[in-house]
Amino acid sequence: MAAQLSAEHPDYWPETIRALMIHSAEWTDPMLAAFRDTPNKRNRYDLIRRFGYGVPSFERANASARNHLALIAQADIQPSARKWP
């Protein structure tokens, strides 16, 4: 999926491709059902660790890059030098 997105958008950084994939992910119905059926908060954390962001979708990721309202900013961050008094 990352290779497909990179081929579609060759000017995007790897970090941007990863962000598109994460942004497109959704939990499936069985994942949501498992979460709802788990009343214990501790066990819910385990489910979140297991499922992560969910299942990514190439169509959603590509749509975010092309048509949907999404801000994609690729720039280097320059830390400012702190001046001590």
Protein backbone atom coordinates (compact mmCIF):
# COMPACT_ATOMS: atom_id res chain seq x y z
CA MET A 1 0.00 0.00 0.00
CA ALA A 2 2.81 2.40 0.81
CA ALA A 3 4.43 1.56 -2.53
CA GLN A 4 1.16 2.24 -4.35
CA LEU A 5 0.73 5.59 -2.61
CA SER A 6 4.36 6.48 -3.31
CA ALA A 7 3.86 5.66 -6.98
CA GLU A 8 0.72 7.82 -7.10
CA HIS A 9 2.42 10.70 -5.25
CA PRO A 10 6.18 10.55 -5.94
CA ASP A 11 6.81 13.96 -4.36
CA TYR A 12 5.46 12.89 -0.95
CA TRP A 13 7.88 12.06 1.83
CA PRO A 14 7.77 8.63 3.52
CA GLU A 15 6.41 10.33 6.64
CA THR A 16 3.55 11.78 4.59
CA ILE A 17 2.74 8.38 3.07
CA ARG A 18 2.65 6.87 6.56
CA ALA A 19 0.38 9.66 7.79
CA LEU A 20 -2.02 9.08 4.89
CA MET A 21 -2.15 5.38 5.72
CA ILE A 22 -2.82 6.04 9.40
CA HIS A 23 -5.43 8.68 8.58
CA SER A 24 -7.26 6.20 6.33
CA ALA A 25 -7.39 3.40 8.92
CA GLU A 26 -10.67 2.41 10.50
CA TRP A 27 -11.69 -0.31 12.90
CA THR A 28 -13.72 -3.11 11.36
CA ASP A 29 -17.07 -4.23 12.77
CA PRO A 30 -15.51 -7.27 14.55
CA MET A 31 -12.90 -4.98 16.14
CA LEU A 32 -15.61 -2.60 17.36
CA ALA A 33 -17.70 -5.51 18.65
CA ALA A 34 -14.73 -6.89 20.60
CA PHE A 35 -14.18 -3.45 22.11
CA ARG A 36 -17.84 -3.08 23.07
CA ASP A 37 -17.93 -6.58 24.56
CA THR A 38 -14.93 -5.88 26.78
CA PRO A 39 -16.11 -4.02 29.90
CA ASN A 40 -12.78 -4.06 31.72
CA LYS A 41 -10.73 -0.92 31.02
CA ARG A 42 -7.44 -2.81 31.31
CA ASN A 43 -8.52 -5.35 28.70
CA ARG A 44 -9.69 -2.55 26.43
CA TYR A 45 -6.17 -1.13 26.48
CA ASP A 46 -4.94 -4.52 25.30
CA LEU A 47 -7.40 -4.41 22.40
CA ILE A 48 -6.26 -0.94 21.44
CA ARG A 49 -2.66 -2.13 21.47
CA ARG A 50 -3.61 -5.12 19.32
CA PHE A 51 -5.78 -3.29 16.78
CA GLY A 52 -3.90 0.00 16.65
CA TYR A 53 -5.48 2.46 14.24
CA GLY A 54 -7.39 -0.29 12.45
CA VAL A 55 -7.23 -1.43 8.85
CA PRO A 56 -5.91 1.14 6.38
CA SER A 57 -7.65 1.71 3.07
CA PHE A 58 -5.82 2.63 -0.12
CA GLU A 59 -8.93 4.29 -1.54
CA ARG A 60 -9.39 6.50 1.54
CA ALA A 61 -5.68 7.37 1.71
CA ASN A 62 -5.52 8.25 -1.97
CA ALA A 63 -8.73 10.28 -1.72
CA SER A 64 -7.25 12.23 1.21
CA ALA A 65 -4.22 13.02 -0.91
CA ARG A 66 -6.26 14.03 -3.96
CA ASN A 67 -9.75 15.26 -3.21
CA HIS A 68 -10.69 15.34 0.44
CA LEU A 69 -10.05 18.29 2.66
CA ALA A 70 -6.69 17.44 4.19
CA LEU A 71 -3.71 19.63 4.99
CA ILE A 72 -0.49 18.08 3.78
CA ALA A 73 2.51 20.14 4.81
CA GLN A 74 6.00 18.91 4.15
CA ALA A 75 8.66 21.16 5.58
CA ASP A 76 11.72 20.87 7.73
CA ILE A 77 11.30 22.04 11.29
CA GLN A 78 14.07 24.33 12.46
CA PRO A 79 14.40 24.43 16.22
CA SER A 80 14.91 27.89 17.60
CA ALA A 81 17.96 28.60 19.65
CA ARG A 82 17.04 29.47 23.19
CA LYS A 83 18.78 32.52 24.54
CA TRP A 84 19.46 32.28 28.25
CA PRO A 85 19.32 35.50 30.27
